[in-house]
Amino acid sequence: MTGRHLLPRAAGAVVLALALAGCASNAANMTSASADQPWTPRSDEGTGLWSFAPPAPPAPETGAADFRVPADSVRARLAQPEGIDPGRVYSLPELIDLAQRTNPATRAAWQQARQAALAVGMVEAAYLPVITASVIGGYQDLTTPLPEVLGESLSFETTEEGTAQILALQWLIFDFGQRQALAAAAKHSAIAANILFNGTHQKLIFDVSQAYYVYGAAIQRLGFAETALRNAEAVRTAVEARAAQGLDTSVATAQARQAVAQAELRRVQAVGAERDAYQNLLAAVGVNAALKVDAVSAARRPLPAPASAPLEETIQRALSQRPDVAASYAALQASKAGVNAAQANFLPKVYVGGNLAWGSGNFDVSGLPSIGQQGSGTGLLVGVTVPLYDSGLRAAQVKEAESRSETAADEFQRVQTAAVTEIVAAHNALRTALESHRAATALVGAAATTYDAAFAAYRSGVGTVDAAIAADTALLDARGAQAEAHAAALISAVNLAFVVGSLTSRESLL
């Protein structure tokens, strides 16, 4: 390519740069005209240069401003995970396995761990030399006018062209441990990311288990509500039969019908709660497709055993293996290494540099023979850089690193304290749930006996409809309390395993 061809292109680039500099403020025309007016999409958002955008025409006055966002069907496409069998009935372990394979939280944590590991590699790359290759070429055509001779315009033309190839090496060979400190900080950060990746899986196991047990309890409550509705209907039938024989009043009939309506309302509410619990379970798994879930078996799951290990021993074991505690400790170690790296900025650095270069050139003068030249060269340098003065920048960097380290130490202590609080609370919650289940079981037995006796007495003509309705309601409440206590005991056991750090796989639930 000759210089004559390069000049028009360079001129065009200069003109474009000047045009953009003069029109940069026009890019504001692509947003709303004022703070109280909606942004209205135009036809050129995705094409062209915004700096050349003309002002938008004034929006017509059509009443209240409409701040809707333009719809795009692409954003409505839901990701459909692979490996879902629509005809399969999933148990809790199978739901956990599905969640660990498809939930985006695990993939995001995995990518973060990979990024932290790659960061270690980038830091360790500073131990090796950097080799760069450069190629430079140039061309110059110069025309110099000469004085006119006998009325003829003359000129003197010179042409120069050439290339140069350079291979350079830079190698920092000694820095008083700064790279080592940076690598240590990166490694501790990577360890923390990997720990949090495992912790994400533990949290996912807990979330799915909790949602599964809540869904099972919701199914139980729906069954109890349907049973209570049937009981209320049986009472209404008995009242209406007695009223038809003149043995009961219209008030008793109205009360029986009211009890049926109240039972139907409770059933509808139980259906809604069951649907919500099912959707929450799907959200915990991380899927958008409908699943068949065997949550009924949760009601038949045996109660967990009370925590047998001493509380102090449980706390010590938890602090040694909980992911958040371990990750916080790794972050503390990384911050300490950051202090060492900042302090190394005060020390000199020794480096080696070298280059290997060769080039060629050609010089032409109009009317004269061309002059060509080729050459090569090598060089090796060993240098030492000693920082002397930087207006306190390095000292500020050290203080900042020390502050980060102190913050990390305080955060580690906070995480430990929070972990102890969670463990004690989970330990107490399990004990309370087991005791509540025992009390609720006794209450169900007494309430069932009361209902049977009250209904039998009413049918025999020696009881009242109020007593039968109240007994039915009390039986429903007792059964609901029993189901709640059973689910709470299962959830509390899983929660205790989670806060201790032992909920590490689906096998932990067996």
Protein backbone atom coordinates (compact mmCIF):
# COMPACT_ATOMS: atom_id res chain seq x y z
CA MET A 1 0.00 0.00 0.00
CA THR A 2 1.42 3.39 -0.97
CA GLY A 3 1.33 6.60 1.00
CA ARG A 4 -1.10 8.10 -1.51
CA HIS A 5 -3.64 5.44 -0.54
CA LEU A 6 -3.06 5.88 3.17
CA LEU A 7 -3.68 9.61 3.21
CA PRO A 8 -7.40 9.55 2.25
CA ARG A 9 -8.14 6.90 4.85
CA ALA A 10 -6.30 8.79 7.58
CA ALA A 11 -8.16 11.94 6.64
CA GLY A 12 -11.46 10.09 6.83
CA ALA A 13 -10.64 8.78 10.30
CA VAL A 14 -9.77 12.30 11.49
CA VAL A 15 -13.03 13.68 10.12
CA LEU A 16 -15.02 10.89 11.82
CA ALA A 17 -13.26 11.55 15.14
CA LEU A 18 -14.03 15.25 14.94
CA ALA A 19 -17.65 14.53 14.07
CA LEU A 20 -18.05 12.21 17.06
CA ALA A 21 -16.42 14.73 19.36
CA GLY A 22 -18.86 17.38 18.22
CA CYS A 23 -21.94 15.13 18.40
CA ALA A 24 -21.22 13.09 21.55
CA SER A 25 -23.80 15.00 23.56
CA ASN A 26 -26.46 13.98 21.03
CA ALA A 27 -26.39 10.48 22.51
CA ALA A 28 -28.58 11.84 25.32
CA ASN A 29 -31.38 12.06 22.76
CA MET A 30 -31.78 8.28 23.02
CA THR A 31 -33.25 8.54 26.53
CA SER A 32 -36.30 10.22 27.99
CA ALA A 33 -36.74 13.93 27.38
CA SER A 34 -37.32 14.62 31.10
CA ALA A 35 -37.47 12.87 34.45
CA ASP A 36 -41.27 12.70 34.47
CA GLN A 37 -41.67 11.34 30.94
CA PRO A 38 -41.33 7.66 29.98
CA TRP A 39 -38.64 6.35 27.71
CA THR A 40 -40.23 5.43 24.40
CA PRO A 41 -38.31 3.01 22.15
CA ARG A 42 -37.24 4.20 18.73
CA SER A 43 -36.31 2.23 15.64
CA ASP A 44 -32.56 2.88 15.78
CA GLU A 45 -31.52 1.78 19.30
CA GLY A 46 -29.55 -1.20 18.07
CA THR A 47 -28.01 0.28 14.93
CA GLY A 48 -25.99 3.29 13.97
CA LEU A 49 -24.08 5.68 16.20
CA TRP A 50 -26.02 7.17 19.09
CA SER A 51 -23.87 10.31 18.86
CA PHE A 52 -25.65 11.17 15.60
CA ALA A 53 -29.14 10.66 17.05
CA PRO A 54 -31.51 13.57 16.39
CA PRO A 55 -33.83 14.77 19.13
CA ALA A 56 -36.93 12.64 19.56
CA PRO A 57 -40.22 14.23 18.56
CA PRO A 58 -42.33 15.43 21.50
CA ALA A 59 -44.63 12.76 22.90
CA PRO A 60 -48.32 13.38 22.28
CA GLU A 61 -50.32 14.32 25.33
CA THR A 62 -52.57 11.32 25.96
CA GLY A 63 -53.25 11.64 29.67
CA ALA A 64 -51.19 9.84 32.29
CA ALA A 65 -47.64 8.89 31.30
CA ASP A 66 -47.26 5.19 30.48
CA PHE A 67 -43.96 3.73 31.72
CA ARG A 68 -44.41 0.25 30.30
CA VAL A 69 -41.36 -1.70 29.10
CA PRO A 70 -41.51 -2.99 25.51
CA ALA A 71 -42.26 -6.69 25.41
CA ASP A 72 -39.75 -9.08 23.93
CA SER A 73 -40.66 -12.73 23.53
CA VAL A 74 -37.01 -13.74 23.77
CA ARG A 75 -36.93 -12.70 27.43
CA ALA A 76 -39.93 -14.92 28.15
CA ARG A 77 -38.21 -18.13 27.12
CA LEU A 78 -37.69 -20.31 30.17
CA ALA A 79 -34.73 -22.61 30.32
CA GLN A 80 -35.80 -26.24 30.28
CA PRO A 81 -33.28 -28.42 32.11
CA GLU A 82 -32.46 -31.78 30.66
CA GLY A 83 -32.96 -35.10 32.37
CA ILE A 84 -36.50 -34.51 33.70
CA ASP A 85 -38.84 -37.47 33.34
CA PRO A 86 -42.47 -36.23 33.33
CA GLY A 87 -43.78 -39.69 34.17
CA ARG A 88 -41.51 -40.27 37.12
CA VAL A 89 -42.54 -39.78 40.74
CA TYR A 90 -39.61 -38.13 42.50
CA SER A 91 -38.62 -38.90 46.06
CA LEU A 92 -36.64 -36.51 48.23
CA PRO A 93 -33.18 -37.94 47.36
CA GLU A 94 -34.08 -37.84 43.67
CA LEU A 95 -35.23 -34.22 43.98
CA ILE A 96 -31.93 -33.31 45.62
CA ASP A 97 -29.98 -35.04 42.87
CA LEU A 98 -32.02 -33.21 40.24
CA ALA A 99 -31.47 -29.88 41.98
CA GLN A 100 -27.72 -30.38 42.19
CA ARG A 101 -27.62 -31.03 38.45
CA THR A 102 -29.97 -28.30 37.24
CA ASN A 103 -30.16 -25.49 39.79
CA PRO A 104 -28.41 -22.36 38.44
CA ALA A 105 -27.05 -21.52 41.90
CA THR A 106 -24.66 -24.49 41.78
CA ARG A 107 -23.45 -23.61 38.29
CA ALA A 108 -22.88 -19.98 39.29
CA ALA A 109 -20.89 -21.05 42.36
CA TRP A 110 -18.88 -23.45 40.19
CA GLN A 111 -18.03 -20.70 37.71
CA GLN A 112 -16.96 -18.41 40.54
CA ALA A 113 -14.67 -21.15 41.86
CA ARG A 114 -13.21 -21.60 38.38
CA GLN A 115 -12.64 -17.87 38.04
CA ALA A 116 -10.83 -17.79 41.39
CA ALA A 117 -8.64 -20.73 40.33
CA LEU A 118 -7.81 -19.01 37.04
CA ALA A 119 -6.88 -15.90 39.01
CA VAL A 120 -4.24 -17.97 40.81
CA GLY A 121 -2.82 -19.02 37.45
CA MET A 122 -2.67 -15.41 36.29
CA VAL A 123 -0.74 -14.42 39.41
CA GLU A 124 1.65 -17.35 39.08
CA ALA A 125 2.29 -16.33 35.46
CA ALA A 126 4.22 -13.35 36.87
CA TYR A 127 7.02 -15.78 37.82
CA LEU A 128 7.77 -16.41 34.14
CA PRO A 129 9.27 -14.07 31.56
CA VAL A 130 7.19 -12.09 29.09
CA ILE A 131 8.25 -12.40 25.46
CA THR A 132 6.85 -10.04 22.86
CA ALA A 133 7.33 -9.83 19.13
CA SER A 134 6.87 -6.59 17.19
CA VAL A 135 6.96 -5.79 13.51
CA ILE A 136 7.15 -2.17 12.35
CA GLY A 137 6.90 -1.05 8.77
CA GLY A 138 6.79 2.35 7.18
CA TYR A 139 6.64 4.19 3.91
CA GLN A 140 7.24 7.85 3.11
CA ASP A 141 6.98 9.65 -0.22
CA LEU A 142 8.21 13.28 -0.30
CA THR A 143 7.99 15.69 -3.21
CA THR A 144 10.03 18.91 -2.95
CA PRO A 145 9.41 21.64 -5.55
CA LEU A 146 12.46 23.25 -7.23
CA PRO A 147 12.86 26.74 -8.69
CA GLU A 148 11.44 27.12 -12.17
CA VAL A 149 13.92 26.78 -14.99
CA LEU A 150 12.93 28.34 -18.33
CA GLY A 151 9.34 28.47 -17.18
CA GLU A 152 9.15 24.74 -16.36
CA SER A 153 8.13 23.55 -12.90
CA LEU A 154 10.45 20.88 -11.55
CA SER A 155 10.34 18.78 -8.37
CA PHE A 156 12.64 16.52 -6.39
CA GLU A 157 11.07 13.22 -5.24
CA THR A 158 12.42 10.97 -2.47
CA THR A 159 10.96 7.66 -1.30
CA GLU A 160 11.91 5.86 1.87
CA GLU A 161 10.55 2.54 3.12
CA GLY A 162 11.65 -0.06 5.61
CA THR A 163 10.71 -2.74 8.15
CA ALA A 164 11.98 -3.70 11.60
CA GLN A 165 11.38 -6.92 13.56
CA ILE A 166 11.97 -6.97 17.29
CA LEU A 167 11.84 -9.87 19.75
CA ALA A 168 11.93 -8.61 23.36
CA LEU A 169 12.11 -10.36 26.73
CA GLN A 170 11.18 -8.99 30.15
CA TRP A 171 11.66 -11.02 33.31
CA LEU A 172 11.25 -9.96 36.91
CA ILE A 173 13.61 -12.31 38.72
CA PHE A 174 13.48 -11.03 42.31
CA ASP A 175 10.96 -8.86 44.17
CA PHE A 176 11.44 -9.72 47.87
CA GLY A 177 8.41 -12.01 48.01
CA GLN A 178 5.74 -9.74 46.52
CA ARG A 179 4.64 -12.23 43.88
CA GLN A 180 4.68 -14.98 46.47
CA ALA A 181 2.38 -12.92 48.71
CA LEU A 182 0.04 -12.14 45.81
CA ALA A 183 -0.05 -15.81 44.85
CA ALA A 184 -0.81 -16.79 48.45
CA ALA A 185 -3.67 -14.28 48.59
CA ALA A 186 -5.08 -15.59 45.31
CA LYS A 187 -4.81 -19.21 46.51
CA HIS A 188 -6.65 -18.45 49.73
CA SER A 189 -9.36 -16.65 47.74
CA ALA A 190 -9.64 -19.66 45.45
CA ILE A 191 -9.90 -21.97 48.45
CA ALA A 192 -12.69 -19.79 49.83
CA ALA A 193 -14.53 -19.93 46.49
CA ASN A 194 -14.26 -23.72 46.39
CA ILE A 195 -15.49 -23.97 49.97
CA LEU A 196 -18.46 -21.76 49.14
CA PHE A 197 -19.16 -23.97 46.13
CA ASN A 198 -19.51 -26.96 48.45
CA GLY A 199 -21.52 -24.77 50.80
CA THR A 200 -23.89 -23.89 47.97
CA HIS A 201 -24.63 -27.58 47.50
CA GLN A 202 -25.22 -27.98 51.24
CA LYS A 203 -27.61 -25.02 51.21
CA LEU A 204 -29.39 -26.49 48.20
CA ILE A 205 -29.86 -29.82 49.97
CA PHE A 206 -31.36 -27.98 52.96
CA ASP A 207 -33.64 -25.79 50.83
CA VAL A 208 -35.02 -28.72 48.86
CA SER A 209 -35.50 -30.82 52.00
CA GLN A 210 -37.28 -28.01 53.82
CA ALA A 211 -39.56 -27.28 50.86
CA TYR A 212 -40.28 -31.01 50.50
CA TYR A 213 -41.33 -31.40 54.14
CA VAL A 214 -43.42 -28.22 54.01
CA TYR A 215 -45.15 -29.55 50.92
CA GLY A 216 -45.80 -32.88 52.66
CA ALA A 217 -47.29 -31.07 55.64
CA ALA A 218 -49.49 -29.02 53.31
CA ILE A 219 -50.81 -32.23 51.75
CA GLN A 220 -51.56 -33.54 55.22
CA ARG A 221 -53.40 -30.38 56.20
CA LEU A 222 -55.47 -30.63 53.03
CA GLY A 223 -56.40 -34.19 53.92
CA PHE A 224 -57.39 -33.15 57.43
CA ALA A 225 -59.45 -30.27 56.04
CA GLU A 226 -61.28 -32.65 53.71
CA THR A 227 -61.93 -35.02 56.63
CA ALA A 228 -63.25 -32.14 58.72
CA LEU A 229 -65.52 -31.14 55.84
CA ARG A 230 -66.93 -34.64 55.68
CA ASN A 231 -67.47 -34.59 59.44
CA ALA A 232 -69.27 -31.25 59.19
CA GLU A 233 -71.44 -32.61 56.40
CA ALA A 234 -72.27 -35.66 58.54
CA VAL A 235 -73.33 -33.38 61.38
CA ARG A 236 -75.44 -31.27 59.00
CA THR A 237 -77.11 -34.41 57.64
CA ALA A 238 -77.94 -35.56 61.15
CA VAL A 239 -79.29 -32.13 62.12
CA GLU A 240 -81.42 -31.90 59.00
CA ALA A 241 -82.81 -35.40 59.63
CA ARG A 242 -83.74 -34.50 63.21
CA ALA A 243 -85.21 -31.18 62.08
CA ALA A 244 -87.36 -32.98 59.51
CA GLN A 245 -88.81 -35.04 62.38
CA GLY A 246 -89.39 -31.94 64.46
CA LEU A 247 -86.70 -32.93 66.94
CA ASP A 248 -84.38 -29.96 66.27
CA THR A 249 -84.69 -26.24 65.66
CA SER A 250 -83.93 -24.10 62.65
CA VAL A 251 -81.12 -22.48 64.62
CA ALA A 252 -79.36 -25.84 64.92
CA THR A 253 -79.80 -26.40 61.19
CA ALA A 254 -78.29 -22.98 60.45
CA GLN A 255 -75.37 -23.70 62.75
CA ALA A 256 -74.71 -27.03 61.03
CA ARG A 257 -74.77 -25.38 57.60
CA GLN A 258 -72.48 -22.63 58.86
CA ALA A 259 -70.06 -25.27 60.09
CA VAL A 260 -70.05 -26.88 56.63
CA ALA A 261 -69.35 -23.52 55.00
CA GLN A 262 -66.54 -22.87 57.47
CA ALA A 263 -65.08 -26.31 56.76
CA GLU A 264 -65.30 -25.68 53.03
CA LEU A 265 -63.44 -22.38 53.48
CA ARG A 266 -60.69 -24.16 55.40
CA ARG A 267 -60.46 -26.78 52.66
CA VAL A 268 -60.11 -24.09 49.97
CA GLN A 269 -57.39 -22.38 52.00
CA ALA A 270 -55.62 -25.72 52.43
CA VAL A 271 -55.75 -26.28 48.67
CA GLY A 272 -54.16 -22.88 48.10
CA ALA A 273 -51.46 -23.56 50.69
CA GLU A 274 -50.75 -26.93 49.06
CA ARG A 275 -50.35 -25.30 45.64
CA ASP A 276 -48.01 -22.63 47.05
CA ALA A 277 -45.92 -25.26 48.80
CA TYR A 278 -45.64 -27.26 45.58
CA GLN A 279 -44.48 -24.20 43.63
CA ASN A 280 -41.97 -23.34 46.35
CA LEU A 281 -40.60 -26.87 46.07
CA LEU A 282 -40.14 -26.49 42.31
CA ALA A 283 -38.38 -23.16 42.92
CA ALA A 284 -36.07 -24.76 45.47
CA VAL A 285 -35.16 -27.49 42.99
CA GLY A 286 -34.66 -24.85 40.32
CA VAL A 287 -36.93 -26.17 37.57
CA ASN A 288 -39.82 -24.63 35.69
CA ALA A 289 -41.44 -27.88 34.59
CA ALA A 290 -44.12 -29.70 36.56
CA LEU A 291 -42.88 -32.68 38.57
CA LYS A 292 -44.64 -35.57 40.18
CA VAL A 293 -43.47 -35.64 43.78
CA ASP A 294 -43.93 -38.33 46.39
CA ALA A 295 -44.44 -35.91 49.26
CA VAL A 296 -47.13 -38.01 50.95
CA SER A 297 -44.43 -40.32 52.29
CA ALA A 298 -43.05 -37.38 54.29
CA ALA A 299 -45.95 -37.83 56.72
CA ARG A 300 -44.90 -41.45 57.26
CA ARG A 301 -41.26 -40.61 57.76
CA PRO A 302 -40.16 -41.53 61.29
CA LEU A 303 -39.32 -38.74 63.65
CA PRO A 304 -35.64 -37.89 64.03
CA ALA A 305 -33.81 -38.84 67.16
CA PRO A 306 -32.99 -36.09 69.64
CA ALA A 307 -29.50 -34.63 69.43
CA SER A 308 -27.32 -36.90 71.53
CA ALA A 309 -23.93 -35.16 71.32
CA PRO A 310 -23.17 -32.50 73.94
CA LEU A 311 -23.88 -29.00 72.70
CA GLU A 312 -20.31 -27.81 73.26
CA GLU A 313 -18.94 -30.69 71.23
CA THR A 314 -21.45 -29.97 68.46
CA ILE A 315 -20.38 -26.32 68.34
CA GLN A 316 -16.69 -27.22 68.11
CA ARG A 317 -17.32 -29.69 65.29
CA ALA A 318 -19.45 -27.18 63.43
CA LEU A 319 -16.88 -24.38 63.65
CA SER A 320 -14.28 -26.71 62.19
CA GLN A 321 -16.32 -27.77 59.15
CA ARG A 322 -18.98 -25.16 58.35
CA PRO A 323 -18.43 -23.70 54.86
CA ASP A 324 -19.08 -20.09 55.84
CA VAL A 325 -16.62 -20.28 58.74
CA ALA A 326 -14.00 -21.97 56.59
CA ALA A 327 -14.46 -19.48 53.75
CA SER A 328 -14.25 -16.54 56.15
CA TYR A 329 -11.03 -17.94 57.61
CA ALA A 330 -9.57 -18.34 54.10
CA ALA A 331 -10.52 -14.74 53.34
CA LEU A 332 -8.70 -13.69 56.51
CA GLN A 333 -5.55 -15.49 55.37
CA ALA A 334 -5.84 -13.86 51.95
CA SER A 335 -6.05 -10.42 53.55
CA LYS A 336 -2.93 -11.11 55.60
CA ALA A 337 -1.07 -12.08 52.44
CA GLY A 338 -2.30 -8.83 50.89
CA VAL A 339 -0.54 -6.90 53.68
CA ASN A 340 2.75 -8.65 52.86
CA ALA A 341 2.31 -7.84 49.16
CA ALA A 342 1.68 -4.17 49.94
CA GLN A 343 4.72 -3.96 52.19
CA ALA A 344 6.91 -5.44 49.44
CA ASN A 345 6.29 -2.31 47.38
CA PHE A 346 8.89 -0.54 49.54
CA LEU A 347 11.63 -2.96 48.45
CA PRO A 348 13.65 -2.97 45.20
CA LYS A 349 13.03 -5.27 42.25
CA VAL A 350 15.57 -6.97 40.02
CA TYR A 351 14.71 -7.63 36.42
CA VAL A 352 16.30 -8.87 33.22
CA GLY A 353 15.56 -7.54 29.75
CA GLY A 354 16.76 -8.55 26.34
CA ASN A 355 15.98 -7.98 22.71
CA LEU A 356 16.79 -9.36 19.30
CA ALA A 357 16.14 -6.99 16.38
CA TRP A 358 16.68 -7.02 12.66
CA GLY A 359 15.45 -4.73 9.91
CA SER A 360 15.78 -3.55 6.35
CA GLY A 361 15.36 -0.23 4.60
CA ASN A 362 15.33 1.26 1.11
CA PHE A 363 15.91 4.88 0.06
CA ASP A 364 15.12 6.13 -3.44
CA VAL A 365 15.93 9.53 -4.91
CA SER A 366 14.49 10.43 -8.29
CA GLY A 367 17.07 9.94 -10.94
CA LEU A 368 19.56 8.15 -8.64
CA PRO A 369 20.17 4.48 -7.83
CA SER A 370 18.33 3.04 -4.82
CA ILE A 371 20.12 2.66 -1.50
CA GLY A 372 19.26 -0.45 0.53
CA GLN A 373 20.38 -1.44 4.00
CA GLN A 374 19.87 -4.44 6.32
CA GLY A 375 20.99 -4.92 9.89
CA SER A 376 20.45 -6.83 13.15
CA GLY A 377 21.25 -6.38 16.78
CA THR A 378 20.98 -8.02 20.20
CA GLY A 379 20.93 -6.67 23.71
CA LEU A 380 20.79 -7.87 27.32
CA LEU A 381 20.03 -5.71 30.33
CA VAL A 382 20.01 -6.37 34.06
CA GLY A 383 18.39 -3.67 36.14
CA VAL A 384 17.30 -2.81 39.66
CA THR A 385 14.42 -0.45 40.44
CA VAL A 386 14.32 1.17 43.87
CA PRO A 387 11.22 3.19 44.80
CA LEU A 388 12.22 6.41 46.55
CA TYR A 389 9.27 8.76 46.69
CA ASP A 390 5.62 8.43 45.68
CA SER A 391 3.78 11.01 47.79
CA GLY A 392 2.76 8.41 50.37
CA LEU A 393 0.99 6.10 47.90
CA ARG A 394 2.69 2.91 49.12
CA ALA A 395 2.14 3.80 52.76
CA ALA A 396 -1.54 4.35 52.05
CA GLN A 397 -1.69 1.00 50.25
CA VAL A 398 -0.19 -0.74 53.27
CA LYS A 399 -2.66 0.94 55.61
CA GLU A 400 -5.52 -0.04 53.34
CA ALA A 401 -4.31 -3.67 53.28
CA GLU A 402 -4.00 -3.68 57.07
CA SER A 403 -7.50 -2.25 57.37
CA ARG A 404 -8.82 -5.00 55.07
CA SER A 405 -7.07 -7.58 57.22
CA GLU A 406 -8.59 -6.20 60.41
CA THR A 407 -12.00 -6.12 58.74
CA ALA A 408 -11.58 -9.75 57.69
CA ALA A 409 -10.62 -10.69 61.27
CA ASP A 410 -13.73 -8.97 62.63
CA GLU A 411 -15.86 -10.64 59.97
CA PHE A 412 -14.42 -14.04 60.88
CA GLN A 413 -15.32 -13.45 64.52
CA ARG A 414 -18.82 -12.35 63.51
CA VAL A 415 -19.32 -15.47 61.41
CA GLN A 416 -18.19 -17.66 64.31
CA THR A 417 -20.60 -15.94 66.71
CA ALA A 418 -23.47 -16.20 64.24
CA ALA A 419 -22.71 -19.89 63.71
CA VAL A 420 -22.83 -20.58 67.46
CA THR A 421 -26.17 -18.76 67.71
CA GLU A 422 -27.63 -20.74 64.81
CA ILE A 423 -26.44 -24.05 66.27
CA VAL A 424 -27.96 -23.37 69.68
CA ALA A 425 -31.22 -22.21 68.09
CA ALA A 426 -31.38 -25.29 65.83
CA HIS A 427 -30.65 -27.57 68.78
CA ASN A 428 -33.46 -26.01 70.81
CA ALA A 429 -35.85 -26.02 67.82
CA LEU A 430 -35.43 -29.77 67.35
CA ARG A 431 -36.09 -30.46 71.01
CA THR A 432 -39.15 -28.19 70.99
CA ALA A 433 -40.53 -29.79 67.83
CA LEU A 434 -40.20 -33.30 69.24
CA GLU A 435 -41.89 -32.28 72.47
CA SER A 436 -44.65 -30.50 70.52
CA HIS A 437 -45.28 -33.61 68.47
CA ARG A 438 -45.69 -35.73 71.58
CA ALA A 439 -48.14 -33.21 73.01
CA ALA A 440 -50.00 -32.88 69.72
CA THR A 441 -50.31 -36.65 69.38
CA ALA A 442 -51.91 -36.86 72.81
CA LEU A 443 -54.18 -33.95 71.87
CA VAL A 444 -55.30 -35.72 68.66
CA GLY A 445 -56.26 -38.80 70.63
CA ALA A 446 -58.28 -36.80 73.13
CA ALA A 447 -59.90 -34.64 70.42
CA ALA A 448 -60.89 -37.71 68.37
CA THR A 449 -62.49 -39.30 71.42
CA THR A 450 -64.32 -36.07 72.19
CA TYR A 451 -65.63 -35.74 68.64
CA ASP A 452 -66.84 -39.32 68.47
CA ALA A 453 -68.59 -38.96 71.82
CA ALA A 454 -70.14 -35.58 70.99
CA PHE A 455 -71.43 -36.73 67.61
CA ALA A 456 -72.78 -40.00 69.01
CA ALA A 457 -74.48 -38.11 71.85
CA TYR A 458 -76.08 -35.71 69.40
CA ARG A 459 -77.38 -38.49 67.21
CA SER A 460 -78.77 -40.16 70.32
CA GLY A 461 -80.60 -36.97 71.24
CA VAL A 462 -78.66 -36.28 74.42
CA GLY A 463 -76.04 -33.91 72.97
CA THR A 464 -76.07 -30.51 71.26
CA VAL A 465 -75.03 -29.51 67.79
CA ASP A 466 -72.73 -26.86 69.26
CA ALA A 467 -70.72 -29.52 71.04
CA ALA A 468 -70.45 -31.66 67.90
CA ILE A 469 -69.30 -28.71 65.76
CA ALA A 470 -66.81 -27.53 68.40
CA ALA A 471 -65.42 -31.06 68.71
CA ASP A 472 -64.99 -31.31 64.94
CA THR A 473 -63.12 -28.00 64.84
CA ALA A 474 -60.92 -29.00 67.79
CA LEU A 475 -60.09 -32.30 66.09
CA LEU A 476 -59.06 -30.50 62.90
CA ASP A 477 -56.86 -28.10 64.86
CA ALA A 478 -55.26 -30.96 66.78
CA ARG A 479 -54.49 -32.92 63.62
CA GLY A 480 -53.07 -29.80 62.01
CA ALA A 481 -50.87 -29.17 65.05
CA GLN A 482 -49.65 -32.76 64.90
CA ALA A 483 -48.78 -32.47 61.20
CA GLU A 484 -47.05 -29.14 61.81
CA ALA A 485 -45.03 -30.59 64.67
CA HIS A 486 -44.05 -33.63 62.61
CA ALA A 487 -42.88 -31.47 59.69
CA ALA A 488 -41.16 -29.07 62.10
CA ALA A 489 -39.25 -31.96 63.68
CA LEU A 490 -38.05 -33.20 60.28
CA ILE A 491 -37.09 -29.69 59.18
CA SER A 492 -35.36 -28.99 62.51
CA ALA A 493 -33.30 -32.15 62.17
CA VAL A 494 -32.23 -31.16 58.66
CA ASN A 495 -31.55 -27.62 59.82
CA LEU A 496 -29.39 -28.84 62.69
CA ALA A 497 -27.38 -31.01 60.29
CA PHE A 498 -27.04 -28.02 57.96
CA VAL A 499 -25.87 -25.50 60.57
CA VAL A 500 -23.42 -28.06 61.93
CA GLY A 501 -22.01 -28.60 58.44
CA SER A 502 -22.80 -32.29 58.16
CA LEU A 503 -25.56 -32.04 55.53
CA THR A 504 -23.10 -32.87 52.78
CA SER A 505 -25.07 -35.21 50.51
CA ARG A 506 -28.50 -36.67 49.96
CA GLU A 507 -27.32 -39.73 51.88
CA SER A 508 -27.25 -37.54 55.00
CA LEU A 509 -31.06 -37.63 55.00
CA LEU A 510 -31.35 -41.39 55.07
